[in-house]
Amino acid sequence: MDNEERVVQHYGSAGIAERVLAALRAVQGTEAPVTPDALAPLDHFHGGGVIATQALAAILSPQPGQRLLDIGSGIGGPARWIAAKFGVHVTGVDLTPEFCEAAEALTRAAGLADRVRIINGSALALPVPDGSFDAAYSQNVIMNIADKLRFYGEAFRVLRPGGVLAIANVCAGPDGEPFYPQMWAATAATSFLATPDDTRRDMQAAGFAIVSFRDTTADQPGARARSGQQLERETPPPLGIHVLMGEETVREAQRNSALNLAEGRIVTIEVLLRKPS
């Protein structure tokens, strides 16, 4: 089994859209509208949820009518939210077939099929033409990718000259290997963390100019302050990522994330890159 197959196996499960919509209706009622905001607690599958998507969109600064690419789009939450908020068209590419099926179903339910397109494919061979996007973004995806240069090279290829790429990512910290499982990997076998310095080098080697490069570790919502025991006692909200991944899986990953952040085993970054004109 190669790495991409292991990643798909880690993330994939049946009936994702059905579980998401059932959870939403159980809380908000059967007649409640399905909107990007209503879905937000469930469909932003990365650290920080919709708040992190808002932060990344702020540095990306999409303009109405632009075409954006979401690399590693998950079940489509950020793509739907950005398309609705900014009046853009978003194409999402994701490796996991079950995520793509769920993304398509939830996009139809939200009435956004004319503005959000989902494609099953690899970030290392993006199934889209050269220079076809004004901007792109990727949230907490690169940790699963060993060939970083190929990832950045593909992103560079599909952007028009002058196009921008916004990245939110987890990097290797200075103080030892992280504890697993994490949300992106059950074990170190599918986790490929680069240091911030190596990340900067790879981005530039792919041809990008770095517009901004910020360590966001201190911004993580309470992760340093919350202990494993606190997380163990907390009851998950009725709407959350545990609907996708399971309550125990999420609890254990959150506990390890808090430890990894507190002990300097991981750091997080937010980057804006530009393809030279």
C-alpha atoms as a PDB file:
ATOM      1  CA  MET A   1       0.000   0.000   0.000  1.00  0.00           C
ATOM      2  CA  ASP A   2       1.480   3.361  -1.015  1.00  0.00           C
ATOM      3  CA  ASN A   3       1.176   6.585   0.962  1.00  0.00           C
ATOM      4  CA  GLU A   4      -1.819   7.948  -0.959  1.00  0.00           C
ATOM      5  CA  GLU A   5      -3.724   4.714  -0.361  1.00  0.00           C
ATOM      6  CA  ARG A   6      -2.931   4.909   3.363  1.00  0.00           C
ATOM      7  CA  VAL A   7      -4.120   8.523   3.499  1.00  0.00           C
ATOM      8  CA  VAL A   8      -7.410   7.615   1.793  1.00  0.00           C
ATOM      9  CA  GLN A   9      -7.864   4.736   4.224  1.00  0.00           C
ATOM     10  CA  HIS A  10      -7.258   7.086   7.178  1.00  0.00           C
ATOM     11  CA  TYR A  11      -9.867   9.632   6.128  1.00  0.00           C
ATOM     12  CA  GLY A  12     -12.504   7.693   4.227  1.00  0.00           C
ATOM     13  CA  SER A  13     -15.769   6.382   5.668  1.00  0.00           C
ATOM     14  CA  ALA A  14     -19.238   5.736   4.298  1.00  0.00           C
ATOM     15  CA  GLY A  15     -22.263   7.988   4.687  1.00  0.00           C
ATOM     16  CA  ILE A  16     -20.480  11.226   5.616  1.00  0.00           C
ATOM     17  CA  ALA A  17     -23.019  13.629   4.090  1.00  0.00           C
ATOM     18  CA  GLU A  18     -25.903  11.693   5.615  1.00  0.00           C
ATOM     19  CA  ARG A  19     -24.324  11.889   9.087  1.00  0.00           C
ATOM     20  CA  VAL A  20     -23.587  15.601   8.724  1.00  0.00           C
ATOM     21  CA  LEU A  21     -27.119  16.467   7.589  1.00  0.00           C
ATOM     22  CA  ALA A  22     -28.709  14.257  10.253  1.00  0.00           C
ATOM     23  CA  ALA A  23     -26.661  15.963  12.979  1.00  0.00           C
ATOM     24  CA  LEU A  24     -27.546  19.400  11.619  1.00  0.00           C
ATOM     25  CA  ARG A  25     -31.270  18.629  11.498  1.00  0.00           C
ATOM     26  CA  ALA A  26     -31.247  17.064  14.956  1.00  0.00           C
ATOM     27  CA  VAL A  27     -29.986  20.363  16.383  1.00  0.00           C
ATOM     28  CA  GLN A  28     -31.595  22.958  14.108  1.00  0.00           C
ATOM     29  CA  GLY A  29     -34.766  21.201  12.981  1.00  0.00           C
ATOM     30  CA  THR A  30     -35.773  19.404   9.813  1.00  0.00           C
ATOM     31  CA  GLU A  31     -36.806  22.629   8.056  1.00  0.00           C
ATOM     32  CA  ALA A  32     -33.655  24.599   8.883  1.00  0.00           C
ATOM     33  CA  PRO A  33     -31.850  25.849   5.754  1.00  0.00           C
ATOM     34  CA  VAL A  34     -28.576  24.178   4.830  1.00  0.00           C
ATOM     35  CA  THR A  35     -26.090  27.045   4.507  1.00  0.00           C
ATOM     36  CA  PRO A  36     -22.293  27.370   4.712  1.00  0.00           C
ATOM     37  CA  ASP A  37     -22.661  29.050   8.101  1.00  0.00           C
ATOM     38  CA  ALA A  38     -24.990  26.357   9.450  1.00  0.00           C
ATOM     39  CA  LEU A  39     -22.614  23.628   8.263  1.00  0.00           C
ATOM     40  CA  ALA A  40     -19.482  25.398   9.538  1.00  0.00           C
ATOM     41  CA  PRO A  41     -19.121  23.500  12.853  1.00  0.00           C
ATOM     42  CA  LEU A  42     -19.102  20.256  10.874  1.00  0.00           C
ATOM     43  CA  ASP A  43     -17.377  20.805   7.550  1.00  0.00           C
ATOM     44  CA  HIS A  44     -14.175  22.808   8.183  1.00  0.00           C
ATOM     45  CA  PHE A  45     -11.940  19.815   8.735  1.00  0.00           C
ATOM     46  CA  HIS A  46      -8.812  21.502  10.074  1.00  0.00           C
ATOM     47  CA  GLY A  47      -7.521  23.107  13.268  1.00  0.00           C
ATOM     48  CA  GLY A  48      -9.429  26.251  14.186  1.00  0.00           C
ATOM     49  CA  GLY A  49     -12.507  25.442  12.106  1.00  0.00           C
ATOM     50  CA  VAL A  50     -14.265  28.268  10.288  1.00  0.00           C
ATOM     51  CA  ILE A  51     -12.223  30.878  12.196  1.00  0.00           C
ATOM     52  CA  ALA A  52      -9.068  29.503  10.573  1.00  0.00           C
ATOM     53  CA  THR A  53     -10.776  29.612   7.174  1.00  0.00           C
ATOM     54  CA  GLN A  54     -11.714  33.254   7.774  1.00  0.00           C
ATOM     55  CA  ALA A  55      -8.093  34.067   8.647  1.00  0.00           C
ATOM     56  CA  LEU A  56      -6.751  32.363   5.533  1.00  0.00           C
ATOM     57  CA  ALA A  57      -9.363  34.055   3.332  1.00  0.00           C
ATOM     58  CA  ALA A  58      -8.356  37.413   4.811  1.00  0.00           C
ATOM     59  CA  ILE A  59      -4.775  37.084   3.547  1.00  0.00           C
ATOM     60  CA  LEU A  60      -5.942  35.568   0.251  1.00  0.00           C
ATOM     61  CA  SER A  61      -8.376  38.477  -0.295  1.00  0.00           C
ATOM     62  CA  PRO A  62     -10.535  36.879  -3.023  1.00  0.00           C
ATOM     63  CA  GLN A  63     -12.237  39.258  -5.455  1.00  0.00           C
ATOM     64  CA  PRO A  64     -15.716  38.685  -6.939  1.00  0.00           C
ATOM     65  CA  GLY A  65     -15.628  36.602 -10.092  1.00  0.00           C
ATOM     66  CA  GLN A  66     -12.219  35.067  -9.466  1.00  0.00           C
ATOM     67  CA  ARG A  67     -11.537  31.348  -9.875  1.00  0.00           C
ATOM     68  CA  LEU A  68      -9.993  29.719  -6.797  1.00  0.00           C
ATOM     69  CA  LEU A  69      -8.528  26.267  -6.203  1.00  0.00           C
ATOM     70  CA  ASP A  70      -8.838  24.455  -2.861  1.00  0.00           C
ATOM     71  CA  ILE A  71      -6.038  21.859  -2.688  1.00  0.00           C
ATOM     72  CA  GLY A  72      -7.153  19.104  -0.327  1.00  0.00           C
ATOM     73  CA  SER A  73     -10.743  20.312  -0.074  1.00  0.00           C
ATOM     74  CA  GLY A  74     -12.059  17.677   2.340  1.00  0.00           C
ATOM     75  CA  ILE A  75     -15.868  17.678   2.473  1.00  0.00           C
ATOM     76  CA  GLY A  76     -15.961  21.141   0.941  1.00  0.00           C
ATOM     77  CA  GLY A  77     -16.689  23.416   3.892  1.00  0.00           C
ATOM     78  CA  PRO A  78     -14.086  26.106   3.143  1.00  0.00           C
ATOM     79  CA  ALA A  79     -14.901  26.010  -0.590  1.00  0.00           C
ATOM     80  CA  ARG A  80     -18.604  26.585   0.070  1.00  0.00           C
ATOM     81  CA  TRP A  81     -17.969  29.253   2.691  1.00  0.00           C
ATOM     82  CA  ILE A  82     -15.515  31.219   0.521  1.00  0.00           C
ATOM     83  CA  ALA A  83     -17.676  30.909  -2.602  1.00  0.00           C
ATOM     84  CA  ALA A  84     -20.720  32.217  -0.729  1.00  0.00           C
ATOM     85  CA  LYS A  85     -18.947  35.028   1.136  1.00  0.00           C
ATOM     86  CA  PHE A  86     -16.806  36.382  -1.705  1.00  0.00           C
ATOM     87  CA  GLY A  87     -18.775  35.692  -4.866  1.00  0.00           C
ATOM     88  CA  VAL A  88     -16.074  33.511  -6.410  1.00  0.00           C
ATOM     89  CA  HIS A  89     -16.010  30.124  -8.110  1.00  0.00           C
ATOM     90  CA  VAL A  90     -14.067  27.457  -6.179  1.00  0.00           C
ATOM     91  CA  THR A  91     -12.774  24.142  -7.513  1.00  0.00           C
ATOM     92  CA  GLY A  92     -11.852  21.666  -4.805  1.00  0.00           C
ATOM     93  CA  VAL A  93      -9.499  18.733  -5.363  1.00  0.00           C
ATOM     94  CA  ASP A  94      -9.295  15.943  -2.789  1.00  0.00           C
ATOM     95  CA  LEU A  95      -7.697  12.500  -2.739  1.00  0.00           C
ATOM     96  CA  THR A  96     -10.402  10.743  -0.699  1.00  0.00           C
ATOM     97  CA  PRO A  97     -13.405   9.575  -2.794  1.00  0.00           C
ATOM     98  CA  GLU A  98     -15.746   9.550   0.215  1.00  0.00           C
ATOM     99  CA  PHE A  99     -14.850  13.162   0.982  1.00  0.00           C
ATOM    100  CA  CYS A 100     -15.573  14.167  -2.617  1.00  0.00           C
ATOM    101  CA  GLU A 101     -18.932  12.380  -2.607  1.00  0.00           C
ATOM    102  CA  ALA A 102     -19.876  14.101   0.658  1.00  0.00           C
ATOM    103  CA  ALA A 103     -18.676  17.475  -0.625  1.00  0.00           C
ATOM    104  CA  GLU A 104     -20.824  17.178  -3.748  1.00  0.00           C
ATOM    105  CA  ALA A 105     -23.918  16.179  -1.754  1.00  0.00           C
ATOM    106  CA  LEU A 106     -23.502  18.973   0.806  1.00  0.00           C
ATOM    107  CA  THR A 107     -22.817  21.520  -1.949  1.00  0.00           C
ATOM    108  CA  ARG A 108     -26.083  20.549  -3.662  1.00  0.00           C
ATOM    109  CA  ALA A 109     -27.927  20.742  -0.346  1.00  0.00           C
ATOM    110  CA  ALA A 110     -26.544  24.261   0.180  1.00  0.00           C
ATOM    111  CA  GLY A 111     -27.579  25.346  -3.329  1.00  0.00           C
ATOM    112  CA  LEU A 112     -24.003  26.138  -4.385  1.00  0.00           C
ATOM    113  CA  ALA A 113     -23.405  23.601  -7.152  1.00  0.00           C
ATOM    114  CA  ASP A 114     -23.079  26.431  -9.676  1.00  0.00           C
ATOM    115  CA  ARG A 115     -20.177  27.985  -7.735  1.00  0.00           C
ATOM    116  CA  VAL A 116     -18.345  25.003  -6.212  1.00  0.00           C
ATOM    117  CA  ARG A 117     -16.929  22.105  -8.227  1.00  0.00           C
ATOM    118  CA  ILE A 118     -15.322  19.067  -6.575  1.00  0.00           C
ATOM    119  CA  ILE A 119     -12.799  16.779  -8.296  1.00  0.00           C
ATOM    120  CA  ASN A 120     -11.349  13.544  -6.938  1.00  0.00           C
ATOM    121  CA  GLY A 121      -7.601  13.769  -7.537  1.00  0.00           C
ATOM    122  CA  SER A 122      -4.120  14.097  -6.113  1.00  0.00           C
ATOM    123  CA  ALA A 123      -2.382  17.287  -5.035  1.00  0.00           C
ATOM    124  CA  LEU A 124       0.733  15.842  -6.686  1.00  0.00           C
ATOM    125  CA  ALA A 125      -0.947  15.669 -10.111  1.00  0.00           C
ATOM    126  CA  LEU A 126      -3.717  18.267 -10.018  1.00  0.00           C
ATOM    127  CA  PRO A 127      -6.328  17.386 -12.697  1.00  0.00           C
ATOM    128  CA  VAL A 128      -6.682  20.989 -13.908  1.00  0.00           C
ATOM    129  CA  PRO A 129      -5.007  22.986 -16.700  1.00  0.00           C
ATOM    130  CA  ASP A 130      -1.937  25.204 -16.406  1.00  0.00           C
ATOM    131  CA  GLY A 131      -2.564  28.793 -15.335  1.00  0.00           C
ATOM    132  CA  SER A 132      -6.287  28.274 -14.795  1.00  0.00           C
ATOM    133  CA  PHE A 133      -6.721  29.874 -11.340  1.00  0.00           C
ATOM    134  CA  ASP A 134      -6.418  33.386  -9.951  1.00  0.00           C
ATOM    135  CA  ALA A 135      -5.675  32.113  -6.451  1.00  0.00           C
ATOM    136  CA  ALA A 136      -5.383  28.890  -4.467  1.00  0.00           C
ATOM    137  CA  TYR A 137      -5.286  27.811  -0.851  1.00  0.00           C
ATOM    138  CA  SER A 138      -4.559  24.696   1.179  1.00  0.00           C
ATOM    139  CA  GLN A 139      -5.298  24.059   4.844  1.00  0.00           C
ATOM    140  CA  ASN A 140      -3.554  21.370   6.887  1.00  0.00           C
ATOM    141  CA  VAL A 141      -2.888  19.103   3.903  1.00  0.00           C
ATOM    142  CA  ILE A 142       0.879  19.157   3.373  1.00  0.00           C
ATOM    143  CA  MET A 143       1.530  17.132   6.541  1.00  0.00           C
ATOM    144  CA  ASN A 144       0.366  14.040   4.595  1.00  0.00           C
ATOM    145  CA  ILE A 145       2.657  14.716   1.626  1.00  0.00           C
ATOM    146  CA  ALA A 146       6.244  13.522   1.462  1.00  0.00           C
ATOM    147  CA  ASP A 147       7.122  15.176  -1.861  1.00  0.00           C
ATOM    148  CA  LYS A 148       6.762  18.828  -0.843  1.00  0.00           C
ATOM    149  CA  LEU A 149       8.496  20.207  -3.922  1.00  0.00           C
ATOM    150  CA  ARG A 150       6.062  18.407  -6.204  1.00  0.00           C
ATOM    151  CA  PHE A 151       3.120  19.768  -4.191  1.00  0.00           C
ATOM    152  CA  TYR A 152       4.331  23.359  -4.490  1.00  0.00           C
ATOM    153  CA  GLY A 153       5.319  22.820  -8.115  1.00  0.00           C
ATOM    154  CA  GLU A 154       1.801  21.678  -9.003  1.00  0.00           C
ATOM    155  CA  ALA A 155       0.268  24.668  -7.205  1.00  0.00           C
ATOM    156  CA  PHE A 156       2.663  26.951  -9.090  1.00  0.00           C
ATOM    157  CA  ARG A 157       1.724  25.333 -12.413  1.00  0.00           C
ATOM    158  CA  VAL A 158      -2.028  25.866 -12.107  1.00  0.00           C
ATOM    159  CA  LEU A 159      -1.870  29.530 -11.007  1.00  0.00           C
ATOM    160  CA  ARG A 160      -1.874  32.332 -13.537  1.00  0.00           C
ATOM    161  CA  PRO A 161       1.147  34.676 -13.436  1.00  0.00           C
ATOM    162  CA  GLY A 162       0.674  36.981 -10.463  1.00  0.00           C
ATOM    163  CA  GLY A 163      -1.673  34.492  -8.763  1.00  0.00           C
ATOM    164  CA  VAL A 164      -1.414  33.846  -5.039  1.00  0.00           C
ATOM    165  CA  LEU A 165      -1.376  30.743  -2.844  1.00  0.00           C
ATOM    166  CA  ALA A 166      -2.353  30.829   0.839  1.00  0.00           C
ATOM    167  CA  ILE A 167      -1.162  28.002   3.081  1.00  0.00           C
ATOM    168  CA  ALA A 168      -2.039  27.016   6.632  1.00  0.00           C
ATOM    169  CA  ASN A 169       0.072  24.109   7.803  1.00  0.00           C
ATOM    170  CA  VAL A 170       1.493  22.172  10.731  1.00  0.00           C
ATOM    171  CA  CYS A 171       5.298  22.001  10.816  1.00  0.00           C
ATOM    172  CA  ALA A 172       7.837  20.025  12.814  1.00  0.00           C
ATOM    173  CA  GLY A 173       8.673  21.719  16.099  1.00  0.00           C
ATOM    174  CA  PRO A 174      12.146  21.991  17.611  1.00  0.00           C
ATOM    175  CA  ASP A 175      11.575  19.727  20.621  1.00  0.00           C
ATOM    176  CA  GLY A 176      11.047  16.167  19.464  1.00  0.00           C
ATOM    177  CA  GLU A 177       8.750  13.933  17.464  1.00  0.00           C
ATOM    178  CA  PRO A 178       5.007  14.503  17.952  1.00  0.00           C
ATOM    179  CA  PHE A 179       2.684  12.138  19.738  1.00  0.00           C
ATOM    180  CA  TYR A 180       0.164  10.219  17.612  1.00  0.00           C
ATOM    181  CA  PRO A 181      -2.620   9.810  16.653  1.00  0.00           C
ATOM    182  CA  GLN A 182      -3.240  13.252  15.243  1.00  0.00           C
ATOM    183  CA  MET A 183      -6.201  14.292  13.098  1.00  0.00           C
ATOM    184  CA  TRP A 184      -4.096  13.957   9.948  1.00  0.00           C
ATOM    185  CA  ALA A 185      -2.380  10.672  10.786  1.00  0.00           C
ATOM    186  CA  ALA A 186      -2.894   7.722  13.089  1.00  0.00           C
ATOM    187  CA  THR A 187       0.864   7.022  13.135  1.00  0.00           C
ATOM    188  CA  ALA A 188       4.078   8.571  11.855  1.00  0.00           C
ATOM    189  CA  ALA A 189       3.796   6.383   8.724  1.00  0.00           C
ATOM    190  CA  THR A 190       1.555   8.923   6.959  1.00  0.00           C
ATOM    191  CA  SER A 191       2.909  12.071   8.611  1.00  0.00           C
ATOM    192  CA  PHE A 192       5.604  14.108   6.867  1.00  0.00           C
ATOM    193  CA  LEU A 193       6.337  17.249   8.854  1.00  0.00           C
ATOM    194  CA  ALA A 194       8.886  19.746   7.577  1.00  0.00           C
ATOM    195  CA  THR A 195      10.468  22.477   9.663  1.00  0.00           C
ATOM    196  CA  PRO A 196       9.463  26.082   8.955  1.00  0.00           C
ATOM    197  CA  ASP A 197      12.910  26.717   7.470  1.00  0.00           C
ATOM    198  CA  ASP A 198      12.634  23.729   5.134  1.00  0.00           C
ATOM    199  CA  THR A 199       9.116  24.814   4.205  1.00  0.00           C
ATOM    200  CA  ARG A 200      10.319  28.281   3.257  1.00  0.00           C
ATOM    201  CA  ARG A 201      13.123  26.764   1.176  1.00  0.00           C
ATOM    202  CA  ASP A 202      10.778  24.406  -0.695  1.00  0.00           C
ATOM    203  CA  MET A 203       8.311  27.178  -1.498  1.00  0.00           C
ATOM    204  CA  GLN A 204      11.039  29.334  -2.979  1.00  0.00           C
ATOM    205  CA  ALA A 205      12.581  26.396  -4.855  1.00  0.00           C
ATOM    206  CA  ALA A 206       9.213  25.868  -6.575  1.00  0.00           C
ATOM    207  CA  GLY A 207       9.398  29.445  -7.889  1.00  0.00           C
ATOM    208  CA  PHE A 208       7.152  31.285  -5.445  1.00  0.00           C
ATOM    209  CA  ALA A 209       7.884  34.672  -3.937  1.00  0.00           C
ATOM    210  CA  ILE A 210       7.039  34.747  -0.233  1.00  0.00           C
ATOM    211  CA  VAL A 211       4.688  37.646   0.544  1.00  0.00           C
ATOM    212  CA  SER A 212       4.226  36.761   4.228  1.00  0.00           C
ATOM    213  CA  PHE A 213       5.308  33.890   6.470  1.00  0.00           C
ATOM    214  CA  ARG A 214       3.888  33.873  10.001  1.00  0.00           C
ATOM    215  CA  ASP A 215       4.197  31.496  12.949  1.00  0.00           C
ATOM    216  CA  THR A 216       0.616  31.076  14.235  1.00  0.00           C
ATOM    217  CA  THR A 217       1.317  28.624  17.049  1.00  0.00           C
ATOM    218  CA  ALA A 218       0.291  31.117  19.726  1.00  0.00           C
ATOM    219  CA  ASP A 219      -3.039  31.638  17.929  1.00  0.00           C
ATOM    220  CA  GLN A 220      -4.231  28.068  18.380  1.00  0.00           C
ATOM    221  CA  PRO A 221      -7.467  28.215  20.408  1.00  0.00           C
ATOM    222  CA  GLY A 222      -6.502  27.385  23.971  1.00  0.00           C
ATOM    223  CA  ALA A 223      -4.385  24.408  22.954  1.00  0.00           C
ATOM    224  CA  ARG A 224      -1.427  25.350  25.136  1.00  0.00           C
ATOM    225  CA  ALA A 225      -3.600  26.009  28.166  1.00  0.00           C
ATOM    226  CA  ARG A 226      -5.811  22.919  27.966  1.00  0.00           C
ATOM    227  CA  SER A 227      -4.392  19.775  29.515  1.00  0.00           C
ATOM    228  CA  GLY A 228      -5.093  16.235  28.421  1.00  0.00           C
ATOM    229  CA  GLN A 229      -7.256  15.739  31.517  1.00  0.00           C
ATOM    230  CA  GLN A 230      -9.356  18.806  30.666  1.00  0.00           C
ATOM    231  CA  LEU A 231      -9.913  17.523  27.134  1.00  0.00           C
ATOM    232  CA  GLU A 232     -10.838  14.094  28.516  1.00  0.00           C
ATOM    233  CA  ARG A 233     -13.575  15.635  30.679  1.00  0.00           C
ATOM    234  CA  GLU A 234     -15.031  17.892  27.992  1.00  0.00           C
ATOM    235  CA  THR A 235     -18.286  16.841  26.331  1.00  0.00           C
ATOM    236  CA  PRO A 236     -18.143  17.406  22.575  1.00  0.00           C
ATOM    237  CA  PRO A 237     -20.665  19.855  21.142  1.00  0.00           C
ATOM    238  CA  PRO A 238     -23.618  18.370  19.261  1.00  0.00           C
ATOM    239  CA  LEU A 239     -22.136  19.645  15.986  1.00  0.00           C
ATOM    240  CA  GLY A 240     -18.441  19.021  15.439  1.00  0.00           C
ATOM    241  CA  ILE A 241     -15.758  17.098  13.574  1.00  0.00           C
ATOM    242  CA  HIS A 242     -16.445  14.029  15.713  1.00  0.00           C
ATOM    243  CA  VAL A 243     -19.508  13.459  13.498  1.00  0.00           C
ATOM    244  CA  LEU A 244     -17.034  12.679  10.685  1.00  0.00           C
ATOM    245  CA  MET A 245     -14.198  10.965  12.530  1.00  0.00           C
ATOM    246  CA  GLY A 246     -15.721   9.560  15.715  1.00  0.00           C
ATOM    247  CA  GLU A 247     -15.756  10.982  19.222  1.00  0.00           C
ATOM    248  CA  GLU A 248     -12.893   8.920  20.661  1.00  0.00           C
ATOM    249  CA  THR A 249     -10.642   9.505  17.638  1.00  0.00           C
ATOM    250  CA  VAL A 250     -11.140  13.261  17.863  1.00  0.00           C
ATOM    251  CA  ARG A 251     -10.690  13.334  21.637  1.00  0.00           C
ATOM    252  CA  GLU A 252      -7.398  11.447  21.456  1.00  0.00           C
ATOM    253  CA  ALA A 253      -6.127  13.595  18.581  1.00  0.00           C
ATOM    254  CA  GLN A 254      -7.026  16.803  20.449  1.00  0.00           C
ATOM    255  CA  ARG A 255      -5.263  15.563  23.565  1.00  0.00           C
ATOM    256  CA  ASN A 256      -2.103  14.808  21.586  1.00  0.00           C
ATOM    257  CA  SER A 257      -2.314  18.111  19.722  1.00  0.00           C
ATOM    258  CA  ALA A 258      -2.436  20.008  23.014  1.00  0.00           C
ATOM    259  CA  LEU A 259       0.613  18.100  24.257  1.00  0.00           C
ATOM    260  CA  ASN A 260       2.522  18.565  21.006  1.00  0.00           C
ATOM    261  CA  LEU A 261       1.891  22.315  20.961  1.00  0.00           C
ATOM    262  CA  ALA A 262       2.694  22.744  24.646  1.00  0.00           C
ATOM    263  CA  GLU A 263       5.952  20.784  24.358  1.00  0.00           C
ATOM    264  CA  GLY A 264       7.123  22.376  21.100  1.00  0.00           C
ATOM    265  CA  ARG A 265       6.796  19.180  19.087  1.00  0.00           C
ATOM    266  CA  ILE A 266       4.705  20.924  16.415  1.00  0.00           C
ATOM    267  CA  VAL A 267       4.273  24.521  15.294  1.00  0.00           C
ATOM    268  CA  THR A 268       1.744  26.069  12.925  1.00  0.00           C
ATOM    269  CA  ILE A 269       2.289  28.553  10.125  1.00  0.00           C
ATOM    270  CA  GLU A 270       0.280  30.771   7.771  1.00  0.00           C
ATOM    271  CA  VAL A 271       1.897  31.756   4.478  1.00  0.00           C
ATOM    272  CA  LEU A 272       0.995  33.829   1.442  1.00  0.00           C
ATOM    273  CA  LEU A 273       2.924  33.128  -1.770  1.00  0.00           C
ATOM    274  CA  ARG A 274       2.858  34.789  -5.169  1.00  0.00           C
ATOM    275  CA  LYS A 275       3.666  33.385  -8.584  1.00  0.00           C
ATOM    276  CA  PRO A 276       5.796  36.045 -10.288  1.00  0.00           C
ATOM    277  CA  SER A 277       4.193  37.857 -13.209  1.00  0.00           C
END
